[in-house]
PDB file of N, CA and C in Angstrom:
ATOM      1  N   UNK A   1    -279.445 -72.861 -25.054  1.00  0.00           N
ATOM      2  CA  UNK A   1    -279.050 -72.067 -23.904  1.00  0.00           C
ATOM      3  C   UNK A   1    -277.968 -72.774 -23.089  1.00  0.00           C
ATOM      4  N   UNK A   2    -278.129 -74.087 -22.889  1.00  0.00           N
ATOM      5  CA  UNK A   2    -277.162 -74.843 -22.102  1.00  0.00           C
ATOM      6  C   UNK A   2    -275.807 -74.886 -22.807  1.00  0.00           C
ATOM      7  N   UNK A   3    -275.803 -75.069 -24.114  1.00  0.00           N
ATOM      8  CA  UNK A   3    -274.526 -75.116 -24.843  1.00  0.00           C
ATOM      9  C   UNK A   3    -273.845 -73.756 -24.844  1.00  0.00           C
ATOM     10  N   UNK A   4    -274.632 -72.691 -24.840  1.00  0.00           N
ATOM     11  CA  UNK A   4    -274.046 -71.352 -24.784  1.00  0.00           C
ATOM     12  C   UNK A   4    -273.339 -71.142 -23.449  1.00  0.00           C
ATOM     13  N   UNK A   5    -273.961 -71.558 -22.353  1.00  0.00           N
ATOM     14  CA  UNK A   5    -273.334 -71.437 -21.032  1.00  0.00           C
ATOM     15  C   UNK A   5    -272.071 -72.279 -20.958  1.00  0.00           C
ATOM     16  N   UNK A   6    -272.106 -73.483 -21.516  1.00  0.00           N
ATOM     17  CA  UNK A   6    -270.923 -74.344 -21.500  1.00  0.00           C
ATOM     18  C   UNK A   6    -269.799 -73.713 -22.305  1.00  0.00           C
ATOM     19  N   UNK A   7    -270.142 -73.117 -23.434  1.00  0.00           N
ATOM     20  CA  UNK A   7    -269.134 -72.460 -24.259  1.00  0.00           C
ATOM     21  C   UNK A   7    -268.503 -71.289 -23.503  1.00  0.00           C
ATOM     22  N   UNK A   8    -269.354 -70.484 -22.863  1.00  0.00           N
ATOM     23  CA  UNK A   8    -268.841 -69.319 -22.122  1.00  0.00           C
ATOM     24  C   UNK A   8    -267.952 -69.763 -20.971  1.00  0.00           C
ATOM     25  N   UNK A   9    -268.397 -70.760 -20.197  1.00  0.00           N
ATOM     26  CA  UNK A   9    -267.578 -71.262 -19.083  1.00  0.00           C
ATOM     27  C   UNK A   9    -266.274 -71.869 -19.596  1.00  0.00           C
ATOM     28  N   UNK A  10    -266.329 -72.579 -20.700  1.00  0.00           N
ATOM     29  CA  UNK A  10    -265.118 -73.155 -21.272  1.00  0.00           C
ATOM     30  C   UNK A  10    -264.152 -72.085 -21.726  1.00  0.00           C
ATOM     31  N   UNK A  11    -264.676 -71.054 -22.374  1.00  0.00           N
ATOM     32  CA  UNK A  11    -263.834 -69.960 -22.859  1.00  0.00           C
ATOM     33  C   UNK A  11    -263.193 -69.214 -21.688  1.00  0.00           C
ATOM     34  N   UNK A  12    -263.998 -68.906 -20.671  1.00  0.00           N
ATOM     35  CA  UNK A  12    -263.470 -68.214 -19.484  1.00  0.00           C
ATOM     36  C   UNK A  12    -262.420 -69.082 -18.798  1.00  0.00           C
ATOM     37  N   UNK A  13    -262.663 -70.382 -18.726  1.00  0.00           N
ATOM     38  CA  UNK A  13    -261.683 -71.291 -18.132  1.00  0.00           C
ATOM     39  C   UNK A  13    -260.364 -71.290 -18.877  1.00  0.00           C
ATOM     40  N   UNK A  14    -260.429 -71.324 -20.203  1.00  0.00           N
ATOM     41  CA  UNK A  14    -259.195 -71.284 -21.001  1.00  0.00           C
ATOM     42  C   UNK A  14    -258.454 -69.968 -20.820  1.00  0.00           C
ATOM     43  N   UNK A  15    -259.185 -68.877 -20.785  1.00  0.00           N
ATOM     44  CA  UNK A  15    -258.547 -67.576 -20.574  1.00  0.00           C
ATOM     45  C   UNK A  15    -257.853 -67.549 -19.221  1.00  0.00           C
ATOM     46  N   UNK A  16    -258.510 -68.056 -18.185  1.00  0.00           N
ATOM     47  CA  UNK A  16    -257.889 -68.082 -16.854  1.00  0.00           C
ATOM     48  C   UNK A  16    -256.645 -68.949 -16.833  1.00  0.00           C
ATOM     49  N   UNK A  17    -256.686 -70.081 -17.523  1.00  0.00           N
ATOM     50  CA  UNK A  17    -255.521 -70.964 -17.558  1.00  0.00           C
ATOM     51  C   UNK A  17    -254.339 -70.277 -18.236  1.00  0.00           C
ATOM     52  N   UNK A  18    -254.600 -69.612 -19.371  1.00  0.00           N
ATOM     53  CA  UNK A  18    -253.507 -68.955 -20.084  1.00  0.00           C
ATOM     54  C   UNK A  18    -253.017 -67.709 -19.351  1.00  0.00           C
ATOM     55  N   UNK A  19    -253.882 -67.017 -18.643  1.00  0.00           N
ATOM     56  CA  UNK A  19    -253.477 -65.821 -17.909  1.00  0.00           C
ATOM     57  C   UNK A  19    -252.676 -66.170 -16.655  1.00  0.00           C
ATOM     58  N   UNK A  20    -252.874 -67.359 -16.122  1.00  0.00           N
ATOM     59  CA  UNK A  20    -252.154 -67.767 -14.921  1.00  0.00           C
ATOM     60  C   UNK A  20    -250.650 -67.727 -15.151  1.00  0.00           C
ATOM     61  N   UNK A  21    -250.201 -68.157 -16.317  1.00  0.00           N
ATOM     62  CA  UNK A  21    -248.776 -68.136 -16.628  1.00  0.00           C
ATOM     63  C   UNK A  21    -248.212 -66.735 -16.648  1.00  0.00           C
ATOM     64  N   UNK A  22    -249.024 -65.753 -17.006  1.00  0.00           N
ATOM     65  CA  UNK A  22    -248.548 -64.373 -17.042  1.00  0.00           C
ATOM     66  C   UNK A  22    -248.520 -63.739 -15.662  1.00  0.00           C
ATOM     67  N   UNK A  23    -249.407 -64.179 -14.797  1.00  0.00           N
ATOM     68  CA  UNK A  23    -249.547 -63.556 -13.491  1.00  0.00           C
ATOM     69  C   UNK A  23    -248.608 -64.160 -12.455  1.00  0.00           C
ATOM     70  N   UNK A  24    -248.318 -65.440 -12.569  1.00  0.00           N
ATOM     71  CA  UNK A  24    -247.495 -66.115 -11.566  1.00  0.00           C
ATOM     72  C   UNK A  24    -246.086 -65.539 -11.551  1.00  0.00           C
ATOM     73  N   UNK A  25    -245.557 -65.345 -10.350  1.00  0.00           N
ATOM     74  CA  UNK A  25    -244.199 -64.836 -10.200  1.00  0.00           C
ATOM     75  C   UNK A  25    -243.212 -65.951 -10.501  1.00  0.00           C
ATOM     76  N   UNK A  26    -242.121 -65.582 -11.126  1.00  0.00           N
ATOM     77  CA  UNK A  26    -241.089 -66.560 -11.431  1.00  0.00           C
ATOM     78  C   UNK A  26    -240.006 -66.508 -10.369  1.00  0.00           C
ATOM     79  N   UNK A  27    -239.534 -67.674  -9.982  1.00  0.00           N
ATOM     80  CA  UNK A  27    -238.421 -67.747  -9.044  1.00  0.00           C
ATOM     81  C   UNK A  27    -237.141 -67.569  -9.855  1.00  0.00           C
ATOM     82  N   UNK A  28    -236.304 -66.629  -9.475  1.00  0.00           N
ATOM     83  CA  UNK A  28    -235.079 -66.410 -10.240  1.00  0.00           C
ATOM     84  C   UNK A  28    -234.144 -67.616 -10.156  1.00  0.00           C
ATOM     85  N   UNK A  29    -233.389 -67.813 -11.212  1.00  0.00           N
ATOM     86  CA  UNK A  29    -232.421 -68.907 -11.243  1.00  0.00           C
ATOM     87  C   UNK A  29    -231.203 -68.492 -10.431  1.00  0.00           C
ATOM     88  N   UNK A  30    -230.995 -69.125  -9.287  1.00  0.00           N
ATOM     89  CA  UNK A  30    -229.911 -68.737  -8.384  1.00  0.00           C
ATOM     90  C   UNK A  30    -228.716 -69.679  -8.446  1.00  0.00           C
ATOM     91  N   UNK A  31    -228.714 -70.592  -9.403  1.00  0.00           N
ATOM     92  CA  UNK A  31    -227.581 -71.532  -9.469  1.00  0.00           C
ATOM     93  C   UNK A  31    -226.281 -70.808  -9.781  1.00  0.00           C
ATOM     94  N   UNK A  32    -226.366 -69.707 -10.536  1.00  0.00           N
ATOM     95  CA  UNK A  32    -225.160 -68.976 -10.893  1.00  0.00           C
ATOM     96  C   UNK A  32    -224.783 -67.917  -9.861  1.00  0.00           C
ATOM     97  N   UNK A  33    -225.672 -67.676  -8.886  1.00  0.00           N
ATOM     98  CA  UNK A  33    -225.400 -66.689  -7.854  1.00  0.00           C
ATOM     99  C   UNK A  33    -224.476 -67.298  -6.806  1.00  0.00           C
ATOM    100  N   UNK A  34    -223.320 -66.690  -6.610  1.00  0.00           N
ATOM    101  CA  UNK A  34    -222.379 -67.248  -5.653  1.00  0.00           C
ATOM    102  C   UNK A  34    -222.263 -66.393  -4.394  1.00  0.00           C
ATOM    103  N   UNK A  35    -222.662 -65.104  -4.492  1.00  0.00           N
ATOM    104  CA  UNK A  35    -222.502 -64.252  -3.317  1.00  0.00           C
ATOM    105  C   UNK A  35    -223.446 -63.066  -3.416  1.00  0.00           C
ATOM    106  N   UNK A  36    -224.012 -62.716  -2.281  1.00  0.00           N
ATOM    107  CA  UNK A  36    -224.836 -61.518  -2.179  1.00  0.00           C
ATOM    108  C   UNK A  36    -224.446 -60.798  -0.897  1.00  0.00           C
ATOM    109  N   UNK A  37    -224.378 -59.492  -0.937  1.00  0.00           N
ATOM    110  CA  UNK A  37    -224.003 -58.698   0.220  1.00  0.00           C
ATOM    111  C   UNK A  37    -225.222 -57.884   0.648  1.00  0.00           C
ATOM    112  N   UNK A  38    -225.643 -58.081   1.894  1.00  0.00           N
ATOM    113  CA  UNK A  38    -226.762 -57.337   2.459  1.00  0.00           C
ATOM    114  C   UNK A  38    -226.267 -56.563   3.663  1.00  0.00           C
ATOM    115  N   UNK A  39    -226.578 -55.287   3.719  1.00  0.00           N
ATOM    116  CA  UNK A  39    -226.197 -54.475   4.868  1.00  0.00           C
ATOM    117  C   UNK A  39    -227.437 -54.271   5.731  1.00  0.00           C
ATOM    118  N   UNK A  40    -227.380 -54.780   6.963  1.00  0.00           N
ATOM    119  CA  UNK A  40    -228.485 -54.654   7.906  1.00  0.00           C
ATOM    120  C   UNK A  40    -227.940 -53.980   9.151  1.00  0.00           C
ATOM    121  N   UNK A  41    -228.327 -52.726   9.358  1.00  0.00           N
ATOM    122  CA  UNK A  41    -227.782 -51.942  10.475  1.00  0.00           C
ATOM    123  C   UNK A  41    -228.258 -52.430  11.832  1.00  0.00           C
ATOM    124  N   UNK A  42    -229.459 -52.968  11.912  1.00  0.00           N
ATOM    125  CA  UNK A  42    -230.012 -53.317  13.216  1.00  0.00           C
ATOM    126  C   UNK A  42    -229.828 -54.795  13.579  1.00  0.00           C
ATOM    127  N   UNK A  43    -228.919 -55.485  12.931  1.00  0.00           N
ATOM    128  CA  UNK A  43    -228.658 -56.890  13.242  1.00  0.00           C
ATOM    129  C   UNK A  43    -227.875 -56.952  14.557  1.00  0.00           C
ATOM    130  N   UNK A  44    -228.509 -57.549  15.577  1.00  0.00           N
ATOM    131  CA  UNK A  44    -227.889 -57.458  16.902  1.00  0.00           C
ATOM    132  C   UNK A  44    -227.403 -58.780  17.483  1.00  0.00           C
ATOM    133  N   UNK A  45    -227.776 -59.916  16.868  1.00  0.00           N
ATOM    134  CA  UNK A  45    -227.325 -61.171  17.468  1.00  0.00           C
ATOM    135  C   UNK A  45    -227.093 -62.229  16.391  1.00  0.00           C
ATOM    136  N   UNK A  46    -226.387 -63.262  16.768  1.00  0.00           N
ATOM    137  CA  UNK A  46    -226.106 -64.353  15.849  1.00  0.00           C
ATOM    138  C   UNK A  46    -227.348 -65.149  15.479  1.00  0.00           C
ATOM    139  N   UNK A  47    -228.321 -65.178  16.381  1.00  0.00           N
ATOM    140  CA  UNK A  47    -229.575 -65.874  16.084  1.00  0.00           C
ATOM    141  C   UNK A  47    -230.319 -65.207  14.942  1.00  0.00           C
ATOM    142  N   UNK A  48    -230.302 -63.876  14.945  1.00  0.00           N
ATOM    143  CA  UNK A  48    -230.942 -63.133  13.847  1.00  0.00           C
ATOM    144  C   UNK A  48    -230.242 -63.452  12.526  1.00  0.00           C
ATOM    145  N   UNK A  49    -228.921 -63.476  12.563  1.00  0.00           N
ATOM    146  CA  UNK A  49    -228.156 -63.798  11.358  1.00  0.00           C
ATOM    147  C   UNK A  49    -228.493 -65.197  10.863  1.00  0.00           C
ATOM    148  N   UNK A  50    -228.587 -66.148  11.771  1.00  0.00           N
ATOM    149  CA  UNK A  50    -228.894 -67.528  11.389  1.00  0.00           C
ATOM    150  C   UNK A  50    -230.272 -67.636  10.756  1.00  0.00           C
ATOM    151  N   UNK A  51    -231.243 -66.911  11.308  1.00  0.00           N
ATOM    152  CA  UNK A  51    -232.602 -66.934  10.770  1.00  0.00           C
ATOM    153  C   UNK A  51    -232.634 -66.370   9.353  1.00  0.00           C
ATOM    154  N   UNK A  52    -231.981 -65.242   9.148  1.00  0.00           N
ATOM    155  CA  UNK A  52    -231.932 -64.628   7.815  1.00  0.00           C
ATOM    156  C   UNK A  52    -231.182 -65.521   6.843  1.00  0.00           C
ATOM    157  N   UNK A  53    -230.069 -66.072   7.282  1.00  0.00           N
ATOM    158  CA  UNK A  53    -229.255 -66.931   6.422  1.00  0.00           C
ATOM    159  C   UNK A  53    -230.042 -68.182   6.019  1.00  0.00           C
ATOM    160  N   UNK A  54    -230.781 -68.767   6.954  1.00  0.00           N
ATOM    161  CA  UNK A  54    -231.577 -69.955   6.648  1.00  0.00           C
ATOM    162  C   UNK A  54    -232.690 -69.625   5.650  1.00  0.00           C
ATOM    163  N   UNK A  55    -233.263 -68.437   5.773  1.00  0.00           N
ATOM    164  CA  UNK A  55    -234.320 -68.035   4.839  1.00  0.00           C
ATOM    165  C   UNK A  55    -233.812 -67.784   3.440  1.00  0.00           C
ATOM    166  N   UNK A  56    -232.559 -67.396   3.312  1.00  0.00           N
ATOM    167  CA  UNK A  56    -231.995 -67.098   1.994  1.00  0.00           C
ATOM    168  C   UNK A  56    -231.292 -68.300   1.366  1.00  0.00           C
ATOM    169  N   UNK A  57    -231.036 -69.335   2.136  1.00  0.00           N
ATOM    170  CA  UNK A  57    -230.356 -70.521   1.618  1.00  0.00           C
ATOM    171  C   UNK A  57    -231.302 -71.313   0.734  1.00  0.00           C
ATOM    172  N   UNK A  58    -230.861 -71.674  -0.495  1.00  0.00           N
ATOM    173  CA  UNK A  58    -231.742 -72.469  -1.366  1.00  0.00           C
ATOM    174  C   UNK A  58    -231.993 -73.849  -0.774  1.00  0.00           C
ATOM    175  N   UNK A  59    -233.081 -74.436  -1.155  1.00  0.00           N
ATOM    176  CA  UNK A  59    -233.484 -75.751  -0.642  1.00  0.00           C
ATOM    177  C   UNK A  59    -232.603 -76.833  -1.119  1.00  0.00           C
TER     178      UNK A  59
END
């Protein structure tokens, strides 16, 4: 009985490990991206622009 539980937990663990790769979102490769144009109608100040620009700037 104990070995059966260990086998089941091991199998479920392996399935979860392999499924994680399928579920995780991939970050797009932005090294080749040189320009993006976003139209924001309600942008009213330079501070808003700076906040958005900082959020979109790669690390």
